[in-house]
Amino acid sequence: EAAKMVNKPVEEASFISVHLGNGASVCAIK
């Protein structure tokens, strides 16, 4: 969804995803 938001194919996009809930984790996506 983020790739759509920045108007890039996901295969060419890099993000740091921060999932915060009762469980929480960060993921580096290249």
PDB file of all heavy atoms in Angstrom:
ATOM      1  N   GLU A   1       0.832  -1.212   0.000  1.00  0.00           N
ATOM      2  CA  GLU A   1       0.000   0.000   0.000  1.00  0.00           C
ATOM      3  C   GLU A   1       0.868   1.265   0.000  1.00  0.00           C
ATOM      4  O   GLU A   1       0.546   2.249  -0.656  1.00  0.00           O
ATOM      5  CB  GLU A   1      -0.924  -0.002   1.228  1.00  0.00           C
ATOM      6  CG  GLU A   1      -1.974  -1.102   1.215  1.00  0.00           C
ATOM      7  CD  GLU A   1      -2.908  -1.022   0.014  1.00  0.00           C
ATOM      8  OE1 GLU A   1      -3.544   0.034  -0.167  1.00  0.00           O
ATOM      9  OE2 GLU A   1      -2.992  -2.007  -0.752  1.00  0.00           O
ATOM     10  N   ALA A   2       1.976   1.214   0.742  1.00  0.00           N
ATOM     11  CA  ALA A   2       2.878   2.371   0.828  1.00  0.00           C
ATOM     12  C   ALA A   2       3.496   2.675  -0.535  1.00  0.00           C
ATOM     13  O   ALA A   2       3.661   3.838  -0.914  1.00  0.00           O
ATOM     14  CB  ALA A   2       3.979   2.106   1.850  1.00  0.00           C
ATOM     15  N   ALA A   3       3.831   1.617  -1.280  1.00  0.00           N
ATOM     16  CA  ALA A   3       4.414   1.809  -2.614  1.00  0.00           C
ATOM     17  C   ALA A   3       3.437   2.574  -3.514  1.00  0.00           C
ATOM     18  O   ALA A   3       3.830   3.472  -4.255  1.00  0.00           O
ATOM     19  CB  ALA A   3       4.780   0.453  -3.221  1.00  0.00           C
ATOM     20  N   LYS A   4       2.139   2.231  -3.396  1.00  0.00           N
ATOM     21  CA  LYS A   4       1.124   2.966  -4.171  1.00  0.00           C
ATOM     22  C   LYS A   4       1.106   4.440  -3.741  1.00  0.00           C
ATOM     23  O   LYS A   4       0.972   5.337  -4.567  1.00  0.00           O
ATOM     24  CB  LYS A   4      -0.270   2.358  -3.951  1.00  0.00           C
ATOM     25  CG  LYS A   4      -0.454   0.957  -4.520  1.00  0.00           C
ATOM     26  CD  LYS A   4      -1.854   0.428  -4.164  1.00  0.00           C
ATOM     27  CE  LYS A   4      -1.921  -1.089  -4.237  1.00  0.00           C
ATOM     28  NZ  LYS A   4      -3.142  -1.613  -3.586  1.00  0.00           N
ATOM     29  N   MET A   5       1.253   4.659  -2.433  1.00  0.00           N
ATOM     30  CA  MET A   5       1.172   6.023  -1.903  1.00  0.00           C
ATOM     31  C   MET A   5       2.326   6.895  -2.399  1.00  0.00           C
ATOM     32  O   MET A   5       2.165   8.091  -2.624  1.00  0.00           O
ATOM     33  CB  MET A   5       1.145   5.988  -0.367  1.00  0.00           C
ATOM     34  CG  MET A   5       0.395   7.149   0.233  1.00  0.00           C
ATOM     35  SD  MET A   5       0.490   7.173   2.026  1.00  0.00           S
ATOM     36  CE  MET A   5      -1.036   6.489   2.489  1.00  0.00           C
ATOM     37  N   VAL A   6       3.518   6.284  -2.551  1.00  0.00           N
ATOM     38  CA  VAL A   6       4.663   7.075  -3.045  1.00  0.00           C
ATOM     39  C   VAL A   6       4.834   6.914  -4.563  1.00  0.00           C
ATOM     40  O   VAL A   6       5.815   7.368  -5.146  1.00  0.00           O
ATOM     41  CB  VAL A   6       5.993   6.724  -2.305  1.00  0.00           C
ATOM     42  CG1 VAL A   6       5.879   7.033  -0.827  1.00  0.00           C
ATOM     43  CG2 VAL A   6       6.405   5.269  -2.540  1.00  0.00           C
ATOM     44  N   ASN A   7       3.859   6.204  -5.173  1.00  0.00           N
ATOM     45  CA  ASN A   7       3.813   6.087  -6.630  1.00  0.00           C
ATOM     46  C   ASN A   7       5.053   5.397  -7.211  1.00  0.00           C
ATOM     47  O   ASN A   7       5.678   5.887  -8.146  1.00  0.00           O
ATOM     48  CB  ASN A   7       3.625   7.484  -7.246  1.00  0.00           C
ATOM     49  CG  ASN A   7       2.925   7.398  -8.590  1.00  0.00           C
ATOM     50  OD1 ASN A   7       2.351   6.359  -8.924  1.00  0.00           O
ATOM     51  ND2 ASN A   7       2.995   8.464  -9.368  1.00  0.00           N
ATOM     52  N   LYS A   8       5.400   4.255  -6.630  1.00  0.00           N
ATOM     53  CA  LYS A   8       6.554   3.480  -7.092  1.00  0.00           C
ATOM     54  C   LYS A   8       6.176   2.005  -7.132  1.00  0.00           C
ATOM     55  O   LYS A   8       5.386   1.564  -6.299  1.00  0.00           O
ATOM     56  CB  LYS A   8       7.701   3.629  -6.074  1.00  0.00           C
ATOM     57  CG  LYS A   8       8.694   4.729  -6.359  1.00  0.00           C
ATOM     58  CD  LYS A   8       9.781   4.695  -5.319  1.00  0.00           C
ATOM     59  CE  LYS A   8      11.143   4.951  -5.920  1.00  0.00           C
ATOM     60  NZ  LYS A   8      12.188   5.070  -4.899  1.00  0.00           N
ATOM     61  N   PRO A   9       6.744   1.237  -8.059  1.00  0.00           N
ATOM     62  CA  PRO A   9       6.527  -0.222  -7.970  1.00  0.00           C
ATOM     63  C   PRO A   9       7.169  -0.732  -6.676  1.00  0.00           C
ATOM     64  O   PRO A   9       8.270  -0.278  -6.315  1.00  0.00           O
ATOM     65  CB  PRO A   9       7.265  -0.781  -9.192  1.00  0.00           C
ATOM     66  CG  PRO A   9       7.730   0.387  -9.988  1.00  0.00           C
ATOM     67  CD  PRO A   9       7.639   1.617  -9.153  1.00  0.00           C
ATOM     68  N   VAL A  10       6.492  -1.651  -5.976  1.00  0.00           N
ATOM     69  CA  VAL A  10       7.015  -2.107  -4.684  1.00  0.00           C
ATOM     70  C   VAL A  10       8.397  -2.761  -4.852  1.00  0.00           C
ATOM     71  O   VAL A  10       9.243  -2.701  -3.958  1.00  0.00           O
ATOM     72  CB  VAL A  10       6.006  -3.054  -3.966  1.00  0.00           C
ATOM     73  CG1 VAL A  10       5.941  -4.421  -4.644  1.00  0.00           C
ATOM     74  CG2 VAL A  10       6.348  -3.179  -2.491  1.00  0.00           C
ATOM     75  N   GLU A  11       8.642  -3.332  -6.046  1.00  0.00           N
ATOM     76  CA  GLU A  11       9.944  -3.990  -6.308  1.00  0.00           C
ATOM     77  C   GLU A  11      11.097  -2.990  -6.357  1.00  0.00           C
ATOM     78  O   GLU A  11      12.265  -3.386  -6.357  1.00  0.00           O
ATOM     79  CB  GLU A  11       9.911  -4.770  -7.633  1.00  0.00           C
ATOM     80  CG  GLU A  11       8.907  -5.907  -7.698  1.00  0.00           C
ATOM     81  CD  GLU A  11       7.472  -5.440  -7.906  1.00  0.00           C
ATOM     82  OE1 GLU A  11       7.258  -4.293  -8.379  1.00  0.00           O
ATOM     83  OE2 GLU A  11       6.556  -6.224  -7.578  1.00  0.00           O
ATOM     84  N   GLU A  12      10.770  -1.688  -6.424  1.00  0.00           N
ATOM     85  CA  GLU A  12      11.824  -0.663  -6.461  1.00  0.00           C
ATOM     86  C   GLU A  12      11.762   0.248  -5.239  1.00  0.00           C
ATOM     87  O   GLU A  12      12.402   1.307  -5.209  1.00  0.00           O
ATOM     88  CB  GLU A  12      11.660   0.192  -7.731  1.00  0.00           C
ATOM     89  CG  GLU A  12      11.917  -0.576  -9.018  1.00  0.00           C
ATOM     90  CD  GLU A  12      11.435   0.192 -10.249  1.00  0.00           C
ATOM     91  OE1 GLU A  12      11.304   1.436 -10.171  1.00  0.00           O
ATOM     92  OE2 GLU A  12      11.192  -0.460 -11.291  1.00  0.00           O
ATOM     93  N   ALA A  13      10.959  -0.144  -4.238  1.00  0.00           N
ATOM     94  CA  ALA A  13      10.745   0.743  -3.090  1.00  0.00           C
ATOM     95  C   ALA A  13      11.332   0.157  -1.809  1.00  0.00           C
ATOM     96  O   ALA A  13      11.430  -1.060  -1.654  1.00  0.00           O
ATOM     97  CB  ALA A  13       9.247   0.982  -2.909  1.00  0.00           C
ATOM     98  N   SER A  14      11.746   1.056  -0.912  1.00  0.00           N
ATOM     99  CA  SER A  14      12.309   0.633   0.375  1.00  0.00           C
ATOM    100  C   SER A  14      11.598   1.355   1.525  1.00  0.00           C
ATOM    101  O   SER A  14      11.439   2.575   1.487  1.00  0.00           O
ATOM    102  CB  SER A  14      13.802   0.948   0.426  1.00  0.00           C
ATOM    103  OG  SER A  14      14.492   0.135  -0.505  1.00  0.00           O
ATOM    104  N   PHE A  15      11.215   0.579   2.515  1.00  0.00           N
ATOM    105  CA  PHE A  15      10.470   1.136   3.650  1.00  0.00           C
ATOM    106  C   PHE A  15      10.975   0.575   4.966  1.00  0.00           C
ATOM    107  O   PHE A  15      11.584  -0.496   5.006  1.00  0.00           O
ATOM    108  CB  PHE A  15       8.978   0.779   3.539  1.00  0.00           C
ATOM    109  CG  PHE A  15       8.312   1.288   2.291  1.00  0.00           C
ATOM    110  CD1 PHE A  15       8.031   0.427   1.231  1.00  0.00           C
ATOM    111  CD2 PHE A  15       7.975   2.629   2.171  1.00  0.00           C
ATOM    112  CE1 PHE A  15       7.426   0.895   0.070  1.00  0.00           C
ATOM    113  CE2 PHE A  15       7.368   3.107   1.017  1.00  0.00           C
ATOM    114  CZ  PHE A  15       7.096   2.241  -0.028  1.00  0.00           C
ATOM    115  N   ILE A  16      10.693   1.299   6.032  1.00  0.00           N
ATOM    116  CA  ILE A  16      10.822   0.739   7.376  1.00  0.00           C
ATOM    117  C   ILE A  16       9.402   0.706   7.929  1.00  0.00           C
ATOM    118  O   ILE A  16       8.755   1.741   8.086  1.00  0.00           O
ATOM    119  CB  ILE A  16      11.770   1.566   8.265  1.00  0.00           C
ATOM    120  CG1 ILE A  16      13.201   1.489   7.697  1.00  0.00           C
ATOM    121  CG2 ILE A  16      11.741   1.037   9.701  1.00  0.00           C
ATOM    122  CD1 ILE A  16      14.198   2.423   8.356  1.00  0.00           C
ATOM    123  N   SER A  17       8.894  -0.502   8.126  1.00  0.00           N
ATOM    124  CA  SER A  17       7.514  -0.690   8.562  1.00  0.00           C
ATOM    125  C   SER A  17       7.491  -0.905  10.074  1.00  0.00           C
ATOM    126  O   SER A  17       8.234  -1.734  10.605  1.00  0.00           O
ATOM    127  CB  SER A  17       6.922  -1.904   7.832  1.00  0.00           C
ATOM    128  OG  SER A  17       5.664  -2.235   8.359  1.00  0.00           O
ATOM    129  N   VAL A  18       6.644  -0.116  10.752  1.00  0.00           N
ATOM    130  CA  VAL A  18       6.597  -0.131  12.223  1.00  0.00           C
ATOM    131  C   VAL A  18       5.194  -0.573  12.650  1.00  0.00           C
ATOM    132  O   VAL A  18       4.238   0.194  12.578  1.00  0.00           O
ATOM    133  CB  VAL A  18       6.907   1.286  12.779  1.00  0.00           C
ATOM    134  CG1 VAL A  18       6.954   1.268  14.295  1.00  0.00           C
ATOM    135  CG2 VAL A  18       8.227   1.814  12.214  1.00  0.00           C
ATOM    136  N   HIS A  19       5.077  -1.844  13.041  1.00  0.00           N
ATOM    137  CA  HIS A  19       3.789  -2.388  13.463  1.00  0.00           C
ATOM    138  C   HIS A  19       3.716  -2.319  14.990  1.00  0.00           C
ATOM    139  O   HIS A  19       4.445  -3.021  15.683  1.00  0.00           O
ATOM    140  CB  HIS A  19       3.650  -3.847  12.994  1.00  0.00           C
ATOM    141  CG  HIS A  19       2.359  -4.500  13.401  1.00  0.00           C
ATOM    142  ND1 HIS A  19       1.348  -4.778  12.512  1.00  0.00           N
ATOM    143  CD2 HIS A  19       1.915  -4.903  14.615  1.00  0.00           C
ATOM    144  CE1 HIS A  19       0.333  -5.332  13.170  1.00  0.00           C
ATOM    145  NE2 HIS A  19       0.655  -5.419  14.441  1.00  0.00           N
ATOM    146  N   LEU A  20       2.853  -1.436  15.492  1.00  0.00           N
ATOM    147  CA  LEU A  20       2.757  -1.247  16.939  1.00  0.00           C
ATOM    148  C   LEU A  20       1.365  -1.638  17.422  1.00  0.00           C
ATOM    149  O   LEU A  20       0.368  -1.009  17.069  1.00  0.00           O
ATOM    150  CB  LEU A  20       3.023   0.224  17.298  1.00  0.00           C
ATOM    151  CG  LEU A  20       4.344   0.834  16.809  1.00  0.00           C
ATOM    152  CD1 LEU A  20       4.423   2.299  17.190  1.00  0.00           C
ATOM    153  CD2 LEU A  20       5.534   0.055  17.371  1.00  0.00           C
ATOM    154  N   GLY A  21       1.318  -2.692  18.198  1.00  0.00           N
ATOM    155  CA  GLY A  21       0.080  -3.133  18.825  1.00  0.00           C
ATOM    156  C   GLY A  21       0.453  -3.721  20.168  1.00  0.00           C
ATOM    157  O   GLY A  21       1.496  -3.368  20.729  1.00  0.00           O
ATOM    158  N   ASN A  22      -0.352  -4.658  20.684  1.00  0.00           N
ATOM    159  CA  ASN A  22       0.019  -5.331  21.930  1.00  0.00           C
ATOM    160  C   ASN A  22       1.337  -6.082  21.721  1.00  0.00           C
ATOM    161  O   ASN A  22       2.170  -6.183  22.608  1.00  0.00           O
ATOM    162  CB  ASN A  22      -1.096  -6.282  22.372  1.00  0.00           C
ATOM    163  CG  ASN A  22      -0.924  -6.723  23.817  1.00  0.00           C
ATOM    164  OD1 ASN A  22      -0.559  -5.933  24.683  1.00  0.00           O
ATOM    165  ND2 ASN A  22      -1.156  -7.988  24.072  1.00  0.00           N
ATOM    166  N   GLY A  23       1.515  -6.597  20.488  1.00  0.00           N
ATOM    167  CA  GLY A  23       2.810  -7.075  20.024  1.00  0.00           C
ATOM    168  C   GLY A  23       3.341  -6.010  19.079  1.00  0.00           C
ATOM    169  O   GLY A  23       2.552  -5.323  18.431  1.00  0.00           O
ATOM    170  N   ALA A  24       4.649  -5.846  18.987  1.00  0.00           N
ATOM    171  CA  ALA A  24       5.175  -4.753  18.157  1.00  0.00           C
ATOM    172  C   ALA A  24       6.470  -5.192  17.476  1.00  0.00           C
ATOM    173  O   ALA A  24       7.290  -5.885  18.081  1.00  0.00           O
ATOM    174  CB  ALA A  24       5.430  -3.517  19.021  1.00  0.00           C
ATOM    175  N   SER A  25       6.632  -4.783  16.213  1.00  0.00           N
ATOM    176  CA  SER A  25       7.889  -5.089  15.529  1.00  0.00           C
ATOM    177  C   SER A  25       8.156  -4.092  14.410  1.00  0.00           C
ATOM    178  O   SER A  25       7.251  -3.443  13.898  1.00  0.00           O
ATOM    179  CB  SER A  25       7.885  -6.517  14.960  1.00  0.00           C
ATOM    180  OG  SER A  25       7.029  -6.626  13.844  1.00  0.00           O
ATOM    181  N   VAL A  26       9.437  -3.995  14.060  1.00  0.00           N
ATOM    182  CA  VAL A  26       9.895  -3.140  12.970  1.00  0.00           C
ATOM    183  C   VAL A  26      10.454  -4.063  11.890  1.00  0.00           C
ATOM    184  O   VAL A  26      11.052  -5.099  12.194  1.00  0.00           O
ATOM    185  CB  VAL A  26      11.000  -2.168  13.462  1.00  0.00           C
ATOM    186  CG1 VAL A  26      11.417  -1.207  12.359  1.00  0.00           C
ATOM    187  CG2 VAL A  26      10.522  -1.388  14.669  1.00  0.00           C
ATOM    188  N   CYS A  27      10.244  -3.686  10.622  1.00  0.00           N
ATOM    189  CA  CYS A  27      10.757  -4.501   9.522  1.00  0.00           C
ATOM    190  C   CYS A  27      11.384  -3.595   8.469  1.00  0.00           C
ATOM    191  O   CYS A  27      10.788  -2.598   8.065  1.00  0.00           O
ATOM    192  CB  CYS A  27       9.613  -5.305   8.900  1.00  0.00           C
ATOM    193  SG  CYS A  27      10.081  -6.295   7.455  1.00  0.00           S
ATOM    194  N   ALA A  28      12.601  -3.946   8.042  1.00  0.00           N
ATOM    195  CA  ALA A  28      13.256  -3.222   6.945  1.00  0.00           C
ATOM    196  C   ALA A  28      12.901  -3.941   5.651  1.00  0.00           C
ATOM    197  O   ALA A  28      13.085  -5.157   5.531  1.00  0.00           O
ATOM    198  CB  ALA A  28      14.763  -3.220   7.149  1.00  0.00           C
ATOM    199  N   ILE A  29      12.350  -3.181   4.695  1.00  0.00           N
ATOM    200  CA  ILE A  29      11.864  -3.762   3.443  1.00  0.00           C
ATOM    201  C   ILE A  29      12.594  -3.116   2.273  1.00  0.00           C
ATOM    202  O   ILE A  29      12.516  -1.906   2.069  1.00  0.00           O
ATOM    203  CB  ILE A  29      10.335  -3.556   3.316  1.00  0.00           C
ATOM    204  CG1 ILE A  29       9.624  -4.305   4.458  1.00  0.00           C
ATOM    205  CG2 ILE A  29       9.829  -4.028   1.953  1.00  0.00           C
ATOM    206  CD1 ILE A  29       8.209  -3.880   4.705  1.00  0.00           C
ATOM    207  N   LYS A  30      13.320  -3.938   1.535  1.00  0.00           N
ATOM    208  CA  LYS A  30      14.124  -3.445   0.411  1.00  0.00           C
ATOM    209  C   LYS A  30      13.623  -4.102  -0.870  1.00  0.00           C
ATOM    210  O   LYS A  30      13.537  -5.334  -0.935  1.00  0.00           O
ATOM    211  CB  LYS A  30      15.593  -3.811   0.660  1.00  0.00           C
ATOM    212  CG  LYS A  30      16.573  -3.264  -0.345  1.00  0.00           C
ATOM    213  CD  LYS A  30      17.981  -3.683   0.070  1.00  0.00           C
ATOM    214  CE  LYS A  30      19.024  -3.111  -0.855  1.00  0.00           C
ATOM    215  NZ  LYS A  30      20.384  -3.510  -0.428  1.00  0.00           N
TER     216      LYS A  30
END
